[in-house]
PDB file of N, CA and C in Angstrom:
ATOM      1  N   UNK A   1       0.839  -1.102   0.069  1.00  0.00           N
ATOM      2  CA  UNK A   1       0.005   0.013  -0.028  1.00  0.00           C
ATOM      3  C   UNK A   1       0.879   1.274  -0.016  1.00  0.00           C
ATOM      4  N   UNK A   2       0.646   2.205  -0.930  1.00  0.00           N
ATOM      5  CA  UNK A   2       1.327   3.490  -0.938  1.00  0.00           C
ATOM      6  C   UNK A   2       0.974   4.334   0.242  1.00  0.00           C
ATOM      7  N   UNK A   3       1.900   4.884   0.899  1.00  0.00           N
ATOM      8  CA  UNK A   3       1.626   5.603   2.238  1.00  0.00           C
ATOM      9  C   UNK A   3       1.936   7.108   1.977  1.00  0.00           C
ATOM     10  N   UNK A   4       2.887   7.496   1.167  1.00  0.00           N
ATOM     11  CA  UNK A   4       3.277   8.814   1.121  1.00  0.00           C
ATOM     12  C   UNK A   4       4.288   9.133  -0.121  1.00  0.00           C
ATOM     13  N   UNK A   5       4.333  10.304  -0.541  1.00  0.00           N
ATOM     14  CA  UNK A   5       5.491  10.691  -1.476  1.00  0.00           C
ATOM     15  C   UNK A   5       6.760  10.814  -0.735  1.00  0.00           C
ATOM     16  N   UNK A   6       7.718  10.016  -1.057  1.00  0.00           N
ATOM     17  CA  UNK A   6       9.021  10.236  -0.327  1.00  0.00           C
ATOM     18  C   UNK A   6       9.872  11.241  -0.950  1.00  0.00           C
ATOM     19  N   UNK A   7      10.026  11.319  -2.194  1.00  0.00           N
ATOM     20  CA  UNK A   7      11.035  12.159  -2.897  1.00  0.00           C
ATOM     21  C   UNK A   7      10.463  12.690  -4.235  1.00  0.00           C
ATOM     22  N   UNK A   8      10.856  13.937  -4.558  1.00  0.00           N
ATOM     23  CA  UNK A   8      10.524  14.505  -5.940  1.00  0.00           C
ATOM     24  C   UNK A   8      11.895  14.944  -6.488  1.00  0.00           C
ATOM     25  N   UNK A   9      12.149  14.597  -7.638  1.00  0.00           N
ATOM     26  CA  UNK A   9      13.291  15.001  -8.342  1.00  0.00           C
ATOM     27  C   UNK A   9      13.004  16.334  -9.044  1.00  0.00           C
ATOM     28  N   UNK A  10      13.735  17.318  -8.717  1.00  0.00           N
ATOM     29  CA  UNK A  10      13.637  18.763  -9.320  1.00  0.00           C
ATOM     30  C   UNK A  10      14.792  19.069 -10.135  1.00  0.00           C
ATOM     31  N   UNK A  11      14.585  19.373 -11.502  1.00  0.00           N
ATOM     32  CA  UNK A  11      15.752  19.654 -12.426  1.00  0.00           C
ATOM     33  C   UNK A  11      16.248  21.010 -12.248  1.00  0.00           C
ATOM     34  N   UNK A  12      17.634  21.154 -12.041  1.00  0.00           N
ATOM     35  CA  UNK A  12      18.278  22.329 -11.877  1.00  0.00           C
ATOM     36  C   UNK A  12      19.541  22.314 -12.689  1.00  0.00           C
ATOM     37  N   UNK A  13      20.027  23.488 -13.023  1.00  0.00           N
ATOM     38  CA  UNK A  13      21.268  23.683 -13.718  1.00  0.00           C
ATOM     39  C   UNK A  13      22.451  23.670 -12.935  1.00  0.00           C
ATOM     40  N   UNK A  14      22.369  24.223 -11.669  1.00  0.00           N
ATOM     41  CA  UNK A  14      23.568  24.360 -10.787  1.00  0.00           C
ATOM     42  C   UNK A  14      23.107  23.897  -9.316  1.00  0.00           C
ATOM     43  N   UNK A  15      23.571  22.715  -8.888  1.00  0.00           N
ATOM     44  CA  UNK A  15      23.182  22.220  -7.572  1.00  0.00           C
ATOM     45  C   UNK A  15      23.509  23.080  -6.514  1.00  0.00           C
ATOM     46  N   UNK A  16      24.634  23.730  -6.546  1.00  0.00           N
ATOM     47  CA  UNK A  16      25.055  24.585  -5.485  1.00  0.00           C
ATOM     48  C   UNK A  16      24.183  25.829  -5.277  1.00  0.00           C
ATOM     49  N   UNK A  17      23.789  26.410  -6.462  1.00  0.00           N
ATOM     50  CA  UNK A  17      22.915  27.575  -6.430  1.00  0.00           C
ATOM     51  C   UNK A  17      21.554  27.116  -5.958  1.00  0.00           C
ATOM     52  N   UNK A  18      21.051  25.979  -6.462  1.00  0.00           N
ATOM     53  CA  UNK A  18      19.690  25.535  -6.082  1.00  0.00           C
ATOM     54  C   UNK A  18      19.693  25.170  -4.531  1.00  0.00           C
ATOM     55  N   UNK A  19      20.713  24.518  -4.141  1.00  0.00           N
ATOM     56  CA  UNK A  19      20.831  24.050  -2.690  1.00  0.00           C
ATOM     57  C   UNK A  19      20.745  25.301  -1.799  1.00  0.00           C
ATOM     58  N   UNK A  20      21.507  26.381  -2.250  1.00  0.00           N
ATOM     59  CA  UNK A  20      21.545  27.597  -1.472  1.00  0.00           C
ATOM     60  C   UNK A  20      20.193  28.248  -1.386  1.00  0.00           C
ATOM     61  N   UNK A  21      19.368  28.246  -2.491  1.00  0.00           N
ATOM     62  CA  UNK A  21      18.087  28.876  -2.515  1.00  0.00           C
ATOM     63  C   UNK A  21      17.174  28.088  -1.627  1.00  0.00           C
ATOM     64  N   UNK A  22      17.187  26.752  -1.725  1.00  0.00           N
ATOM     65  CA  UNK A  22      16.186  25.950  -0.961  1.00  0.00           C
ATOM     66  C   UNK A  22      16.503  26.008   0.479  1.00  0.00           C
ATOM     67  N   UNK A  23      17.775  26.042   0.841  1.00  0.00           N
ATOM     68  CA  UNK A  23      18.190  26.012   2.218  1.00  0.00           C
ATOM     69  C   UNK A  23      18.172  27.433   2.858  1.00  0.00           C
ATOM     70  N   UNK A  24      18.930  28.323   2.202  1.00  0.00           N
ATOM     71  CA  UNK A  24      19.041  29.706   2.846  1.00  0.00           C
ATOM     72  C   UNK A  24      17.910  30.685   2.536  1.00  0.00           C
ATOM     73  N   UNK A  25      17.165  30.448   1.439  1.00  0.00           N
ATOM     74  CA  UNK A  25      16.007  31.334   1.250  1.00  0.00           C
ATOM     75  C   UNK A  25      14.711  30.708   1.683  1.00  0.00           C
ATOM     76  N   UNK A  26      14.441  29.416   1.327  1.00  0.00           N
ATOM     77  CA  UNK A  26      13.171  28.934   1.698  1.00  0.00           C
ATOM     78  C   UNK A  26      13.261  28.282   3.083  1.00  0.00           C
ATOM     79  N   UNK A  27      14.477  28.080   3.576  1.00  0.00           N
ATOM     80  CA  UNK A  27      14.645  27.584   4.958  1.00  0.00           C
ATOM     81  C   UNK A  27      14.461  26.070   5.123  1.00  0.00           C
ATOM     82  N   UNK A  28      14.728  25.353   4.029  1.00  0.00           N
ATOM     83  CA  UNK A  28      14.653  23.844   4.097  1.00  0.00           C
ATOM     84  C   UNK A  28      15.878  23.326   4.789  1.00  0.00           C
ATOM     85  N   UNK A  29      15.737  22.174   5.285  1.00  0.00           N
ATOM     86  CA  UNK A  29      16.967  21.400   5.843  1.00  0.00           C
ATOM     87  C   UNK A  29      17.718  20.794   4.671  1.00  0.00           C
ATOM     88  N   UNK A  30      19.019  20.877   4.750  1.00  0.00           N
ATOM     89  CA  UNK A  30      19.903  20.073   3.812  1.00  0.00           C
ATOM     90  C   UNK A  30      19.878  18.623   4.432  1.00  0.00           C
ATOM     91  N   UNK A  31      19.313  17.676   3.768  1.00  0.00           N
ATOM     92  CA  UNK A  31      19.193  16.373   4.200  1.00  0.00           C
ATOM     93  C   UNK A  31      20.460  15.576   3.957  1.00  0.00           C
ATOM     94  N   UNK A  32      20.952  15.721   2.587  1.00  0.00           N
ATOM     95  CA  UNK A  32      22.314  15.151   2.284  1.00  0.00           C
ATOM     96  C   UNK A  32      22.848  15.804   1.122  1.00  0.00           C
ATOM     97  N   UNK A  33      24.170  15.835   1.030  1.00  0.00           N
ATOM     98  CA  UNK A  33      24.931  16.355  -0.163  1.00  0.00           C
ATOM     99  C   UNK A  33      26.081  15.409  -0.249  1.00  0.00           C
ATOM    100  N   UNK A  34      25.949  14.374  -1.107  1.00  0.00           N
ATOM    101  CA  UNK A  34      26.947  13.343  -1.227  1.00  0.00           C
ATOM    102  C   UNK A  34      27.408  13.107  -2.657  1.00  0.00           C
ATOM    103  N   UNK A  35      28.664  12.605  -2.857  1.00  0.00           N
ATOM    104  CA  UNK A  35      29.005  12.312  -4.310  1.00  0.00           C
ATOM    105  C   UNK A  35      28.196  10.990  -4.571  1.00  0.00           C
ATOM    106  N   UNK A  36      27.891  10.924  -5.865  1.00  0.00           N
ATOM    107  CA  UNK A  36      27.046   9.951  -6.294  1.00  0.00           C
ATOM    108  C   UNK A  36      27.713   9.087  -7.526  1.00  0.00           C
ATOM    109  N   UNK A  37      28.869   9.435  -7.822  1.00  0.00           N
ATOM    110  CA  UNK A  37      29.605   8.833  -8.905  1.00  0.00           C
ATOM    111  C   UNK A  37      30.370   9.859  -9.647  1.00  0.00           C
ATOM    112  N   UNK A  38      30.980   9.528 -10.780  1.00  0.00           N
ATOM    113  CA  UNK A  38      31.734  10.454 -11.506  1.00  0.00           C
ATOM    114  C   UNK A  38      30.874  11.661 -11.980  1.00  0.00           C
ATOM    115  N   UNK A  39      31.359  12.912 -11.483  1.00  0.00           N
ATOM    116  CA  UNK A  39      30.639  14.191 -11.872  1.00  0.00           C
ATOM    117  C   UNK A  39      29.221  14.240 -11.483  1.00  0.00           C
ATOM    118  N   UNK A  40      28.688  13.466 -10.513  1.00  0.00           N
ATOM    119  CA  UNK A  40      27.351  13.605 -10.003  1.00  0.00           C
ATOM    120  C   UNK A  40      27.345  13.667  -8.472  1.00  0.00           C
ATOM    121  N   UNK A  41      26.310  14.433  -8.004  1.00  0.00           N
ATOM    122  CA  UNK A  41      26.074  14.555  -6.525  1.00  0.00           C
ATOM    123  C   UNK A  41      24.700  14.251  -6.231  1.00  0.00           C
ATOM    124  N   UNK A  42      24.380  13.729  -5.027  1.00  0.00           N
ATOM    125  CA  UNK A  42      23.006  13.589  -4.577  1.00  0.00           C
ATOM    126  C   UNK A  42      22.811  14.739  -3.572  1.00  0.00           C
ATOM    127  N   UNK A  43      22.053  15.701  -3.950  1.00  0.00           N
ATOM    128  CA  UNK A  43      21.687  16.811  -3.149  1.00  0.00           C
ATOM    129  C   UNK A  43      20.220  16.777  -2.748  1.00  0.00           C
ATOM    130  N   UNK A  44      19.919  16.595  -1.569  1.00  0.00           N
ATOM    131  CA  UNK A  44      18.577  16.348  -1.056  1.00  0.00           C
ATOM    132  C   UNK A  44      18.203  17.415  -0.061  1.00  0.00           C
ATOM    133  N   UNK A  45      17.032  18.079  -0.207  1.00  0.00           N
ATOM    134  CA  UNK A  45      16.525  19.155   0.702  1.00  0.00           C
ATOM    135  C   UNK A  45      15.158  18.807   1.127  1.00  0.00           C
ATOM    136  N   UNK A  46      14.747  19.314   2.238  1.00  0.00           N
ATOM    137  CA  UNK A  46      13.266  19.107   2.580  1.00  0.00           C
ATOM    138  C   UNK A  46      12.827  20.097   3.654  1.00  0.00           C
ATOM    139  N   UNK A  47      11.604  20.423   3.699  1.00  0.00           N
ATOM    140  CA  UNK A  47      10.965  21.306   4.756  1.00  0.00           C
ATOM    141  C   UNK A  47      11.341  20.761   6.108  1.00  0.00           C
ATOM    142  N   UNK A  48      11.578  21.647   7.042  1.00  0.00           N
ATOM    143  CA  UNK A  48      11.831  21.226   8.430  1.00  0.00           C
ATOM    144  C   UNK A  48      10.586  20.367   8.970  1.00  0.00           C
ATOM    145  N   UNK A  49      10.913  19.204   9.430  1.00  0.00           N
ATOM    146  CA  UNK A  49       9.810  18.338   9.864  1.00  0.00           C
ATOM    147  C   UNK A  49       8.890  17.705   8.895  1.00  0.00           C
ATOM    148  N   UNK A  50       9.138  17.902   7.698  1.00  0.00           N
ATOM    149  CA  UNK A  50       8.327  17.336   6.568  1.00  0.00           C
ATOM    150  C   UNK A  50       8.628  15.903   6.312  1.00  0.00           C
ATOM    151  N   UNK A  51       7.709  15.239   5.732  1.00  0.00           N
ATOM    152  CA  UNK A  51       7.857  13.782   5.433  1.00  0.00           C
ATOM    153  C   UNK A  51       8.566  13.586   3.975  1.00  0.00           C
ATOM    154  N   UNK A  52       8.201  14.491   3.056  1.00  0.00           N
ATOM    155  CA  UNK A  52       8.821  14.410   1.743  1.00  0.00           C
ATOM    156  C   UNK A  52      10.039  15.242   1.545  1.00  0.00           C
ATOM    157  N   UNK A  53      10.822  14.859   0.639  1.00  0.00           N
ATOM    158  CA  UNK A  53      12.002  15.678   0.329  1.00  0.00           C
ATOM    159  C   UNK A  53      12.119  15.843  -1.178  1.00  0.00           C
ATOM    160  N   UNK A  54      13.087  16.717  -1.592  1.00  0.00           N
ATOM    161  CA  UNK A  54      13.337  17.095  -2.941  1.00  0.00           C
ATOM    162  C   UNK A  54      14.816  16.750  -3.268  1.00  0.00           C
ATOM    163  N   UNK A  55      15.053  16.134  -4.291  1.00  0.00           N
ATOM    164  CA  UNK A  55      16.525  15.978  -4.843  1.00  0.00           C
ATOM    165  C   UNK A  55      16.659  16.905  -5.961  1.00  0.00           C
ATOM    166  N   UNK A  56      17.818  17.641  -5.921  1.00  0.00           N
ATOM    167  CA  UNK A  56      18.098  18.642  -6.931  1.00  0.00           C
ATOM    168  C   UNK A  56      18.970  17.945  -7.947  1.00  0.00           C
ATOM    169  N   UNK A  57      18.396  17.636  -9.159  1.00  0.00           N
ATOM    170  CA  UNK A  57      19.027  16.745 -10.121  1.00  0.00           C
ATOM    171  C   UNK A  57      19.521  17.536 -11.356  1.00  0.00           C
ATOM    172  N   UNK A  58      20.601  17.090 -11.917  1.00  0.00           N
ATOM    173  CA  UNK A  58      21.142  17.551 -13.106  1.00  0.00           C
ATOM    174  C   UNK A  58      21.282  16.598 -14.220  1.00  0.00           C
ATOM    175  N   UNK A  59      20.988  15.373 -13.928  1.00  0.00           N
ATOM    176  CA  UNK A  59      21.410  14.237 -14.884  1.00  0.00           C
ATOM    177  C   UNK A  59      20.252  13.637 -15.635  1.00  0.00           C
ATOM    178  N   UNK A  60      19.127  14.143 -15.770  1.00  0.00           N
ATOM    179  CA  UNK A  60      18.066  13.594 -16.542  1.00  0.00           C
ATOM    180  C   UNK A  60      17.868  14.514 -17.756  1.00  0.00           C
ATOM    181  N   UNK A  61      18.275  14.052 -18.920  1.00  0.00           N
ATOM    182  CA  UNK A  61      18.131  14.769 -20.156  1.00  0.00           C
ATOM    183  C   UNK A  61      16.659  15.124 -20.508  1.00  0.00           C
ATOM    184  N   UNK A  62      15.727  14.387 -20.019  1.00  0.00           N
ATOM    185  CA  UNK A  62      14.286  14.692 -20.364  1.00  0.00           C
ATOM    186  C   UNK A  62      13.725  15.568 -19.391  1.00  0.00           C
ATOM    187  N   UNK A  63      14.467  16.099 -18.418  1.00  0.00           N
ATOM    188  CA  UNK A  63      13.978  17.046 -17.430  1.00  0.00           C
ATOM    189  C   UNK A  63      14.858  18.292 -17.355  1.00  0.00           C
ATOM    190  N   UNK A  64      14.602  19.210 -18.323  1.00  0.00           N
ATOM    191  CA  UNK A  64      15.552  20.364 -18.333  1.00  0.00           C
ATOM    192  C   UNK A  64      15.294  21.254 -17.115  1.00  0.00           C
ATOM    193  N   UNK A  65      16.327  21.980 -16.678  1.00  0.00           N
ATOM    194  CA  UNK A  65      16.172  22.847 -15.550  1.00  0.00           C
ATOM    195  C   UNK A  65      14.969  23.894 -15.798  1.00  0.00           C
ATOM    196  N   UNK A  66      14.172  24.003 -14.828  1.00  0.00           N
ATOM    197  CA  UNK A  66      13.074  24.987 -14.877  1.00  0.00           C
ATOM    198  C   UNK A  66      11.787  24.327 -15.497  1.00  0.00           C
ATOM    199  N   UNK A  67      11.790  23.149 -15.813  1.00  0.00           N
ATOM    200  CA  UNK A  67      10.667  22.481 -16.372  1.00  0.00           C
ATOM    201  C   UNK A  67       9.468  22.100 -15.478  1.00  0.00           C
ATOM    202  N   UNK A  68       9.718  22.119 -14.119  1.00  0.00           N
ATOM    203  CA  UNK A  68       8.652  21.871 -13.192  1.00  0.00           C
ATOM    204  C   UNK A  68       7.863  23.102 -12.877  1.00  0.00           C
ATOM    205  N   UNK A  69       6.556  23.013 -12.945  1.00  0.00           N
ATOM    206  CA  UNK A  69       5.614  24.020 -12.534  1.00  0.00           C
ATOM    207  C   UNK A  69       4.571  23.477 -11.648  1.00  0.00           C
ATOM    208  N   UNK A  70       4.310  24.299 -10.597  1.00  0.00           N
ATOM    209  CA  UNK A  70       3.255  23.786  -9.743  1.00  0.00           C
ATOM    210  C   UNK A  70       3.714  22.983  -8.452  1.00  0.00           C
ATOM    211  N   UNK A  71       4.948  23.170  -8.086  1.00  0.00           N
ATOM    212  CA  UNK A  71       5.390  22.562  -6.835  1.00  0.00           C
ATOM    213  C   UNK A  71       4.720  23.292  -5.745  1.00  0.00           C
ATOM    214  N   UNK A  72       3.801  22.625  -5.026  1.00  0.00           N
ATOM    215  CA  UNK A  72       3.036  23.389  -3.975  1.00  0.00           C
ATOM    216  C   UNK A  72       3.544  23.053  -2.615  1.00  0.00           C
ATOM    217  N   UNK A  73       3.801  24.105  -1.855  1.00  0.00           N
ATOM    218  CA  UNK A  73       4.284  24.054  -0.517  1.00  0.00           C
ATOM    219  C   UNK A  73       3.225  24.679   0.390  1.00  0.00           C
ATOM    220  N   UNK A  74       3.005  24.085   1.534  1.00  0.00           N
ATOM    221  CA  UNK A  74       2.001  24.568   2.518  1.00  0.00           C
ATOM    222  C   UNK A  74       2.715  25.317   3.626  1.00  0.00           C
ATOM    223  N   UNK A  75       2.017  26.379   4.053  1.00  0.00           N
ATOM    224  CA  UNK A  75       2.481  27.148   5.204  1.00  0.00           C
ATOM    225  C   UNK A  75       1.378  27.441   6.186  1.00  0.00           C
ATOM    226  N   UNK A  76       1.758  27.592   7.433  1.00  0.00           N
ATOM    227  CA  UNK A  76       0.808  28.038   8.460  1.00  0.00           C
ATOM    228  C   UNK A  76       0.729  29.619   8.643  1.00  0.00           C
ATOM    229  N   UNK A  77       1.648  30.353   8.029  1.00  0.00           N
ATOM    230  CA  UNK A  77       1.661  31.730   8.168  1.00  0.00           C
ATOM    231  C   UNK A  77       2.195  32.350   6.851  1.00  0.00           C
ATOM    232  N   UNK A  78       1.252  32.413   5.918  1.00  0.00           N
ATOM    233  CA  UNK A  78       1.655  32.944   4.603  1.00  0.00           C
ATOM    234  C   UNK A  78       2.193  34.414   4.654  1.00  0.00           C
ATOM    235  N   UNK A  79       1.643  35.272   5.457  1.00  0.00           N
ATOM    236  CA  UNK A  79       2.070  36.682   5.490  1.00  0.00           C
ATOM    237  C   UNK A  79       3.492  36.785   5.905  1.00  0.00           C
ATOM    238  N   UNK A  80       3.899  36.112   7.006  1.00  0.00           N
ATOM    239  CA  UNK A  80       5.281  36.146   7.462  1.00  0.00           C
ATOM    240  C   UNK A  80       6.185  35.643   6.540  1.00  0.00           C
ATOM    241  N   UNK A  81       5.819  34.384   5.950  1.00  0.00           N
ATOM    242  CA  UNK A  81       6.674  33.760   4.962  1.00  0.00           C
ATOM    243  C   UNK A  81       6.981  34.695   3.701  1.00  0.00           C
ATOM    244  N   UNK A  82       5.813  35.285   3.222  1.00  0.00           N
ATOM    245  CA  UNK A  82       5.982  36.170   2.080  1.00  0.00           C
ATOM    246  C   UNK A  82       6.842  37.402   2.457  1.00  0.00           C
ATOM    247  N   UNK A  83       6.702  37.915   3.626  1.00  0.00           N
ATOM    248  CA  UNK A  83       7.628  39.091   4.056  1.00  0.00           C
ATOM    249  C   UNK A  83       9.109  38.591   4.059  1.00  0.00           C
ATOM    250  N   UNK A  84       9.318  37.392   4.669  1.00  0.00           N
ATOM    251  CA  UNK A  84      10.814  36.938   4.762  1.00  0.00           C
ATOM    252  C   UNK A  84      11.306  36.645   3.382  1.00  0.00           C
ATOM    253  N   UNK A  85      10.482  35.911   2.569  1.00  0.00           N
ATOM    254  CA  UNK A  85      11.072  35.653   1.174  1.00  0.00           C
ATOM    255  C   UNK A  85      11.300  36.969   0.410  1.00  0.00           C
ATOM    256  N   UNK A  86      10.438  37.913   0.471  1.00  0.00           N
ATOM    257  CA  UNK A  86      10.643  39.157  -0.170  1.00  0.00           C
ATOM    258  C   UNK A  86      11.980  39.746   0.314  1.00  0.00           C
ATOM    259  N   UNK A  87      12.138  39.766   1.634  1.00  0.00           N
ATOM    260  CA  UNK A  87      13.350  40.402   2.185  1.00  0.00           C
ATOM    261  C   UNK A  87      14.571  39.632   1.696  1.00  0.00           C
ATOM    262  N   UNK A  88      14.439  38.395   1.366  1.00  0.00           N
ATOM    263  CA  UNK A  88      15.556  37.554   0.912  1.00  0.00           C
ATOM    264  C   UNK A  88      15.771  37.660  -0.567  1.00  0.00           C
ATOM    265  N   UNK A  89      15.020  38.501  -1.210  1.00  0.00           N
ATOM    266  CA  UNK A  89      15.121  38.707  -2.671  1.00  0.00           C
ATOM    267  C   UNK A  89      14.202  38.020  -3.604  1.00  0.00           C
ATOM    268  N   UNK A  90      13.287  37.254  -3.116  1.00  0.00           N
ATOM    269  CA  UNK A  90      12.330  36.511  -4.093  1.00  0.00           C
ATOM    270  C   UNK A  90      11.381  37.427  -4.520  1.00  0.00           C
ATOM    271  N   UNK A  91      11.158  37.295  -5.852  1.00  0.00           N
ATOM    272  CA  UNK A  91      10.213  38.151  -6.611  1.00  0.00           C
ATOM    273  C   UNK A  91       8.896  37.466  -6.604  1.00  0.00           C
ATOM    274  N   UNK A  92       7.879  38.091  -6.036  1.00  0.00           N
ATOM    275  CA  UNK A  92       6.460  37.497  -5.915  1.00  0.00           C
ATOM    276  C   UNK A  92       5.641  38.407  -6.866  1.00  0.00           C
ATOM    277  N   UNK A  93       5.622  38.157  -8.140  1.00  0.00           N
ATOM    278  CA  UNK A  93       4.988  39.107  -9.153  1.00  0.00           C
ATOM    279  C   UNK A  93       3.623  39.429  -8.944  1.00  0.00           C
ATOM    280  N   UNK A  94       2.758  38.464  -8.425  1.00  0.00           N
ATOM    281  CA  UNK A  94       1.330  38.723  -8.357  1.00  0.00           C
ATOM    282  C   UNK A  94       0.831  39.020  -6.865  1.00  0.00           C
ATOM    283  N   UNK A  95       1.765  39.052  -5.936  1.00  0.00           N
ATOM    284  CA  UNK A  95       1.399  39.222  -4.574  1.00  0.00           C
ATOM    285  C   UNK A  95       0.478  38.135  -3.994  1.00  0.00           C
ATOM    286  N   UNK A  96      -0.048  38.329  -2.901  1.00  0.00           N
ATOM    287  CA  UNK A  96      -0.878  37.302  -2.201  1.00  0.00           C
ATOM    288  C   UNK A  96      -2.263  37.297  -2.952  1.00  0.00           C
ATOM    289  N   UNK A  97      -2.748  36.146  -3.329  1.00  0.00           N
ATOM    290  CA  UNK A  97      -3.990  35.970  -4.037  1.00  0.00           C
ATOM    291  C   UNK A  97      -5.012  35.191  -3.114  1.00  0.00           C
ATOM    292  N   UNK A  98      -6.231  35.509  -3.216  1.00  0.00           N
ATOM    293  CA  UNK A  98      -7.249  34.857  -2.332  1.00  0.00           C
ATOM    294  C   UNK A  98      -8.133  34.016  -3.213  1.00  0.00           C
ATOM    295  N   UNK A  99      -8.457  32.836  -2.740  1.00  0.00           N
ATOM    296  CA  UNK A  99      -9.343  31.908  -3.349  1.00  0.00           C
ATOM    297  C   UNK A  99     -10.279  31.335  -2.270  1.00  0.00           C
ATOM    298  N   UNK A 100     -11.419  30.760  -2.709  1.00  0.00           N
ATOM    299  CA  UNK A 100     -12.273  30.063  -1.549  1.00  0.00           C
ATOM    300  C   UNK A 100     -11.632  29.046  -0.789  1.00  0.00           C
ATOM    301  N   UNK A 101     -10.622  28.350  -1.275  1.00  0.00           N
ATOM    302  CA  UNK A 101      -9.969  27.328  -0.561  1.00  0.00           C
ATOM    303  C   UNK A 101      -8.785  27.788   0.197  1.00  0.00           C
ATOM    304  N   UNK A 102      -8.339  29.071   0.115  1.00  0.00           N
ATOM    305  CA  UNK A 102      -7.237  29.590   0.871  1.00  0.00           C
ATOM    306  C   UNK A 102      -6.511  30.830   0.107  1.00  0.00           C
ATOM    307  N   UNK A 103      -5.377  31.151   0.665  1.00  0.00           N
ATOM    308  CA  UNK A 103      -4.441  32.225  -0.021  1.00  0.00           C
ATOM    309  C   UNK A 103      -3.220  31.613  -0.467  1.00  0.00           C
ATOM    310  N   UNK A 104      -2.560  32.294  -1.493  1.00  0.00           N
ATOM    311  CA  UNK A 104      -1.343  31.761  -2.123  1.00  0.00           C
ATOM    312  C   UNK A 104      -0.596  32.754  -2.763  1.00  0.00           C
ATOM    313  N   UNK A 105       0.695  32.508  -2.980  1.00  0.00           N
ATOM    314  CA  UNK A 105       1.627  33.276  -3.919  1.00  0.00           C
ATOM    315  C   UNK A 105       2.333  32.355  -4.807  1.00  0.00           C
ATOM    316  N   UNK A 106       2.693  32.816  -5.903  1.00  0.00           N
ATOM    317  CA  UNK A 106       3.596  31.994  -6.854  1.00  0.00           C
ATOM    318  C   UNK A 106       4.908  32.785  -7.129  1.00  0.00           C
ATOM    319  N   UNK A 107       5.942  31.970  -7.264  1.00  0.00           N
ATOM    320  CA  UNK A 107       7.321  32.494  -7.656  1.00  0.00           C
ATOM    321  C   UNK A 107       8.109  31.330  -8.211  1.00  0.00           C
ATOM    322  N   UNK A 108       9.278  31.728  -8.716  1.00  0.00           N
ATOM    323  CA  UNK A 108      10.151  30.748  -9.327  1.00  0.00           C
ATOM    324  C   UNK A 108      11.494  30.628  -8.516  1.00  0.00           C
ATOM    325  N   UNK A 109      12.047  29.444  -8.554  1.00  0.00           N
ATOM    326  CA  UNK A 109      13.303  29.184  -8.014  1.00  0.00           C
ATOM    327  C   UNK A 109      14.408  29.734  -9.084  1.00  0.00           C
ATOM    328  N   UNK A 110      15.644  29.762  -8.790  1.00  0.00           N
ATOM    329  CA  UNK A 110      16.627  30.351  -9.673  1.00  0.00           C
ATOM    330  C   UNK A 110      16.612  29.775 -11.037  1.00  0.00           C
ATOM    331  N   UNK A 111      16.185  28.553 -11.158  1.00  0.00           N
ATOM    332  CA  UNK A 111      16.119  27.890 -12.560  1.00  0.00           C
ATOM    333  C   UNK A 111      14.868  28.035 -13.311  1.00  0.00           C
ATOM    334  N   UNK A 112      13.785  28.674 -12.628  1.00  0.00           N
ATOM    335  CA  UNK A 112      12.573  28.884 -13.257  1.00  0.00           C
ATOM    336  C   UNK A 112      11.511  27.764 -13.002  1.00  0.00           C
ATOM    337  N   UNK A 113      11.875  26.873 -12.042  1.00  0.00           N
ATOM    338  CA  UNK A 113      10.862  25.968 -11.546  1.00  0.00           C
ATOM    339  C   UNK A 113       9.727  26.756 -10.723  1.00  0.00           C
ATOM    340  N   UNK A 114       8.572  26.461 -11.172  1.00  0.00           N
ATOM    341  CA  UNK A 114       7.466  27.258 -10.536  1.00  0.00           C
ATOM    342  C   UNK A 114       6.945  26.714  -9.243  1.00  0.00           C
ATOM    343  N   UNK A 115       6.880  27.602  -8.222  1.00  0.00           N
ATOM    344  CA  UNK A 115       6.482  27.144  -6.884  1.00  0.00           C
ATOM    345  C   UNK A 115       5.216  27.940  -6.471  1.00  0.00           C
ATOM    346  N   UNK A 116       4.390  27.248  -5.737  1.00  0.00           N
ATOM    347  CA  UNK A 116       3.130  27.806  -5.158  1.00  0.00           C
ATOM    348  C   UNK A 116       3.298  27.673  -3.699  1.00  0.00           C
ATOM    349  N   UNK A 117       3.271  28.772  -2.954  1.00  0.00           N
ATOM    350  CA  UNK A 117       3.286  28.741  -1.509  1.00  0.00           C
ATOM    351  C   UNK A 117       1.872  29.093  -1.060  1.00  0.00           C
ATOM    352  N   UNK A 118       1.161  28.120  -0.314  1.00  0.00           N
ATOM    353  CA  UNK A 118      -0.210  28.319  -0.050  1.00  0.00           C
ATOM    354  C   UNK A 118      -0.456  28.198   1.448  1.00  0.00           C
ATOM    355  N   UNK A 119      -1.501  28.827   1.868  1.00  0.00           N
ATOM    356  CA  UNK A 119      -2.068  28.615   3.200  1.00  0.00           C
ATOM    357  C   UNK A 119      -3.600  28.165   3.006  1.00  0.00           C
ATOM    358  N   UNK A 120      -3.817  26.909   3.231  1.00  0.00           N
ATOM    359  CA  UNK A 120      -5.242  26.354   2.988  1.00  0.00           C
ATOM    360  C   UNK A 120      -6.099  26.947   4.029  1.00  0.00           C
ATOM    361  N   UNK A 121      -7.260  27.421   3.661  1.00  0.00           N
ATOM    362  CA  UNK A 121      -8.321  27.752   4.639  1.00  0.00           C
ATOM    363  C   UNK A 121      -8.713  26.543   5.632  1.00  0.00           C
ATOM    364  N   UNK A 122      -8.878  26.818   6.953  1.00  0.00           N
ATOM    365  CA  UNK A 122      -9.191  25.752   7.691  1.00  0.00           C
ATOM    366  C   UNK A 122     -10.468  24.964   7.386  1.00  0.00           C
ATOM    367  N   UNK A 123     -11.354  25.578   6.709  1.00  0.00           N
ATOM    368  CA  UNK A 123     -12.662  24.873   6.389  1.00  0.00           C
ATOM    369  C   UNK A 123     -12.640  24.418   4.949  1.00  0.00           C
ATOM    370  N   UNK A 124     -11.427  24.405   4.250  1.00  0.00           N
ATOM    371  CA  UNK A 124     -11.440  24.063   2.871  1.00  0.00           C
ATOM    372  C   UNK A 124     -11.331  22.514   2.799  1.00  0.00           C
TER     373      UNK A 124
END
C-alpha cells in the first residue's frame, strides 16, 4: 500500500545555487549532499519536519532545468513567509492571491521551476 510521497526530483542547472536557494532562502533542511559517482552529486533538501524531500538533479536529459511548474508548498503563516521571502530577494510578481480554498503566492526558483506557497483555509 502506498503511504506517502518520499522524494521528488527537481531539475536544476547548478546544484550549489539551487541548494543555497532551498536551504538559505526557503529555509529547508539540507538532508544530504553526497558524491554519487563521477561528476554527480546527490543533493537532497526538505522542509523542516516534513515527510517528503526534494532531490536537486542535473542528470536527466528529459527534465531540463526549470521544467517543473506547480510545486505546492503549504505554510501556516503566509504573510510572515512572504515578508521573509521578499526580504531575501524572492520576486513574487502577483502578490498574495485569495481563493475560496485559501491564500497563495507564486514564484520561481533560480532555474525557473514554478513554486506555489499556499495557506489552505481551515474549512477548505
